[in-house]
Amino acid sequence: MEATFPHKSSKLDRYFCTLRVADPTSGATAEGIAECCTLVLIANKFEELPICNRVGDIIRVHRATVHEYLGVKQLTARVYFNSAWVLFSAGNAKSAAKEFQPIAHLGKTYSLVSQSEQKVITQLRTWAKKALAKLPMVGKKAIEVADLNSYHDEGKEAYRFDLIAKILKITRVDEKLSEI
């Protein structure tokens, strides 16, 4: 549903990527916002984490642990220890031979996609196409910066929306950090 770009922790010498994930068992609020679970991937190197390019991409994670964080269910995958991931495209491939080829994965190799996993990936793609069409997305409603105060005044502080903005200036703080 949503993913952060891999970034280095200011407190730890590790890299983090946080994803909000959903599947056909996920419900939706009256406003059409999907109920999601948080997946946190932790690695020693930036290159060991996935970069999701599209809403609806499918991730397969091995050896994640489940626990609660601030009362919300969270999955944690410690890539630096023993977890692994494989990222599949949200859409169908142009050829059947590439339909179950990952767009990215951890390491030099990955375990092949079994028949049962192919079925799950196909079902997830079908579900995502239908479910994501119902959720609020970019282009359905534009919110002006001036409107943000009214959202706050109406008690919608936690309202989620996508932001499209023009970057006017980037200032380099150091080799790994920039300010916009």
Protein backbone atom coordinates (compact mmCIF):
# COMPACT_ATOMS: atom_id res chain seq x y z
CA MET A 1 0.00 0.00 0.00
CA GLU A 2 2.80 2.38 0.91
CA ALA A 3 6.56 2.26 1.48
CA THR A 4 9.34 4.49 2.72
CA PHE A 5 12.57 4.82 0.81
CA PRO A 6 15.37 2.92 2.62
CA HIS A 7 17.05 5.26 5.09
CA LYS A 8 19.74 5.08 7.75
CA SER A 9 18.71 5.34 11.39
CA SER A 10 20.02 8.36 13.24
CA LYS A 11 20.44 6.22 16.38
CA LEU A 12 21.57 2.85 15.04
CA ASP A 13 24.10 1.91 12.40
CA ARG A 14 21.40 0.17 10.36
CA TYR A 15 19.10 0.94 7.44
CA PHE A 16 15.30 0.76 7.65
CA CYS A 17 12.44 0.47 5.19
CA THR A 18 8.84 0.56 6.39
CA LEU A 19 5.97 -0.79 4.31
CA ARG A 20 2.23 -0.77 4.94
CA VAL A 21 0.95 -4.07 3.58
CA ALA A 22 -2.55 -5.44 3.01
CA ASP A 23 -4.12 -8.55 1.55
CA PRO A 24 -7.65 -9.80 0.77
CA THR A 25 -8.33 -10.28 4.50
CA SER A 26 -7.74 -6.57 5.16
CA GLY A 27 -10.85 -4.51 5.74
CA ALA A 28 -11.43 -0.87 4.87
CA THR A 29 -12.78 2.07 6.84
CA ALA A 30 -15.94 3.95 5.84
CA GLU A 31 -13.67 6.53 4.14
CA GLY A 32 -12.20 3.77 1.95
CA ILE A 33 -8.83 3.63 3.70
CA ALA A 34 -7.46 0.10 3.82
CA GLU A 35 -6.61 -1.45 7.17
CA CYS A 36 -2.95 -2.36 6.91
CA CYS A 37 -0.19 -4.07 8.81
CA THR A 38 3.25 -2.52 9.13
CA LEU A 39 6.30 -4.40 7.88
CA VAL A 40 9.71 -3.08 8.96
CA LEU A 41 12.82 -4.36 7.20
CA ILE A 42 16.17 -3.73 8.90
CA ALA A 43 19.53 -4.16 7.15
CA ASN A 44 23.22 -3.31 7.45
CA LYS A 45 23.38 -1.81 3.93
CA PHE A 46 21.09 0.40 1.87
CA GLU A 47 21.32 -2.06 -1.05
CA GLU A 48 19.84 -4.87 1.07
CA LEU A 49 16.41 -3.20 1.24
CA PRO A 50 13.62 -3.12 -1.35
CA ILE A 51 12.60 0.00 -3.23
CA CYS A 52 8.90 -0.24 -4.05
CA ASN A 53 7.91 1.70 -7.15
CA ARG A 54 4.16 1.12 -7.34
CA VAL A 55 1.20 0.74 -5.05
CA GLY A 56 0.21 -2.89 -5.35
CA ASP A 57 3.71 -4.36 -5.67
CA ILE A 58 3.86 -7.77 -3.98
CA ILE A 59 6.56 -8.64 -1.45
CA ARG A 60 7.43 -12.13 -0.24
CA VAL A 61 9.30 -12.06 3.08
CA HIS A 62 11.04 -14.99 4.74
CA ARG A 63 11.58 -15.26 8.49
CA ALA A 64 9.72 -12.17 9.72
CA THR A 65 8.64 -11.91 13.35
CA VAL A 66 5.28 -10.61 14.59
CA HIS A 67 4.81 -8.37 17.61
CA GLU A 68 2.91 -5.29 18.73
CA TYR A 69 4.27 -1.77 18.60
CA LEU A 70 2.17 0.97 20.21
CA GLY A 71 -0.81 -1.39 20.21
CA VAL A 72 -0.59 -2.15 16.47
CA LYS A 73 0.48 -5.45 14.90
CA GLN A 74 3.87 -5.15 13.26
CA LEU A 75 6.04 -7.53 11.25
CA THR A 76 9.81 -7.18 11.52
CA ALA A 77 12.30 -8.70 9.09
CA ARG A 78 15.93 -8.48 10.22
CA VAL A 79 17.70 -8.77 6.88
CA TYR A 80 21.05 -8.33 8.63
CA PHE A 81 20.39 -11.54 10.57
CA ASN A 82 18.44 -14.11 8.53
CA SER A 83 15.39 -12.60 6.83
CA ALA A 84 15.04 -12.30 3.06
CA TRP A 85 12.63 -10.68 0.60
CA VAL A 86 11.56 -10.89 -3.05
CA LEU A 87 9.57 -8.11 -4.78
CA PHE A 88 7.10 -8.83 -7.61
CA SER A 89 5.42 -6.36 -9.93
CA ALA A 90 1.83 -5.37 -9.24
CA GLY A 91 0.85 -5.91 -12.88
CA ASN A 92 0.99 -8.94 -15.08
CA ALA A 93 4.16 -9.40 -17.11
CA LYS A 94 4.06 -9.01 -20.89
CA SER A 95 5.13 -12.62 -21.33
CA ALA A 96 4.05 -15.67 -19.35
CA ALA A 97 7.71 -16.64 -18.87
CA LYS A 98 8.35 -13.46 -16.88
CA GLU A 99 5.06 -13.37 -14.98
CA PHE A 100 6.62 -14.74 -11.78
CA GLN A 101 10.11 -13.26 -12.17
CA PRO A 102 10.85 -10.80 -9.37
CA ILE A 103 11.62 -7.17 -10.10
CA ALA A 104 14.05 -7.14 -7.15
CA HIS A 105 15.33 -9.49 -4.46
CA LEU A 106 17.87 -9.65 -1.68
CA GLY A 107 21.22 -11.12 -2.63
CA LYS A 108 22.48 -12.80 -5.77
CA THR A 109 19.78 -15.48 -5.89
CA TYR A 110 16.30 -16.17 -4.56
CA SER A 111 14.27 -19.33 -4.03
CA LEU A 112 12.11 -20.14 -7.03
CA VAL A 113 8.40 -19.41 -6.95
CA SER A 114 6.47 -22.63 -6.33
CA GLN A 115 3.14 -23.50 -7.97
CA SER A 116 1.24 -22.58 -4.81
CA GLU A 117 3.07 -19.23 -4.59
CA GLN A 118 2.25 -18.53 -8.24
CA LYS A 119 -1.41 -19.03 -7.40
CA VAL A 120 -1.14 -16.65 -4.42
CA ILE A 121 0.64 -13.99 -6.50
CA THR A 122 -2.05 -14.24 -9.19
CA GLN A 123 -4.80 -13.92 -6.56
CA LEU A 124 -3.06 -10.93 -4.95
CA ARG A 125 -2.72 -9.17 -8.33
CA THR A 126 -6.43 -9.70 -9.04
CA TRP A 127 -7.44 -8.52 -5.57
CA ALA A 128 -5.13 -5.48 -5.68
CA LYS A 129 -6.51 -4.35 -9.05
CA LYS A 130 -10.06 -4.39 -7.65
CA ALA A 131 -9.29 -3.14 -4.12
CA LEU A 132 -6.99 -0.31 -5.15
CA ALA A 133 -9.54 1.01 -7.64
CA LYS A 134 -11.85 1.71 -4.69
CA LEU A 135 -9.28 3.47 -2.49
CA PRO A 136 -8.54 7.19 -2.65
CA MET A 137 -5.58 7.70 -4.99
CA VAL A 138 -3.66 10.53 -6.57
CA GLY A 139 -5.76 12.35 -9.14
CA LYS A 140 -9.16 11.66 -7.63
CA LYS A 141 -9.02 14.74 -5.41
CA ALA A 142 -6.39 17.45 -5.32
CA ILE A 143 -5.75 19.15 -2.00
CA GLU A 144 -4.27 22.63 -2.07
CA VAL A 145 -1.70 23.63 0.56
CA ALA A 146 -4.14 26.34 1.69
CA ASP A 147 -6.73 23.60 2.45
CA LEU A 148 -4.46 21.87 4.99
CA ASN A 149 -5.52 24.26 7.79
CA SER A 150 -9.17 23.35 7.25
CA TYR A 151 -8.31 19.64 7.44
CA HIS A 152 -6.65 20.31 10.79
CA ASP A 153 -9.59 22.40 12.05
CA GLU A 154 -12.03 19.64 11.05
CA GLY A 155 -10.14 17.09 13.16
CA LYS A 156 -8.58 15.27 10.21
CA GLU A 157 -4.99 15.40 11.51
CA ALA A 158 -4.50 11.70 10.72
CA TYR A 159 -6.00 12.00 7.21
CA ARG A 160 -3.71 10.32 4.67
CA PHE A 161 -3.18 11.77 1.23
CA ASP A 162 -0.60 11.72 -1.52
CA LEU A 163 1.43 14.84 -2.15
CA ILE A 164 2.55 16.07 -5.54
CA ALA A 165 4.98 18.93 -5.24
CA LYS A 166 7.66 20.73 -7.19
CA ILE A 167 11.03 20.68 -5.45
CA LEU A 168 12.56 24.13 -5.61
CA LYS A 169 15.83 23.58 -3.76
CA ILE A 170 17.89 20.70 -2.39
CA THR A 171 20.62 21.44 0.14
CA ARG A 172 23.25 18.76 0.75
CA VAL A 173 23.91 18.32 4.49
CA ASP A 174 26.39 15.48 3.98
CA GLU A 175 26.85 12.52 1.62
CA LYS A 176 23.80 10.67 3.02
CA LEU A 177 21.45 13.47 4.00
CA SER A 178 19.76 16.24 2.04
CA GLU A 179 17.16 18.84 2.98
CA ILE A 180 14.39 19.86 0.61
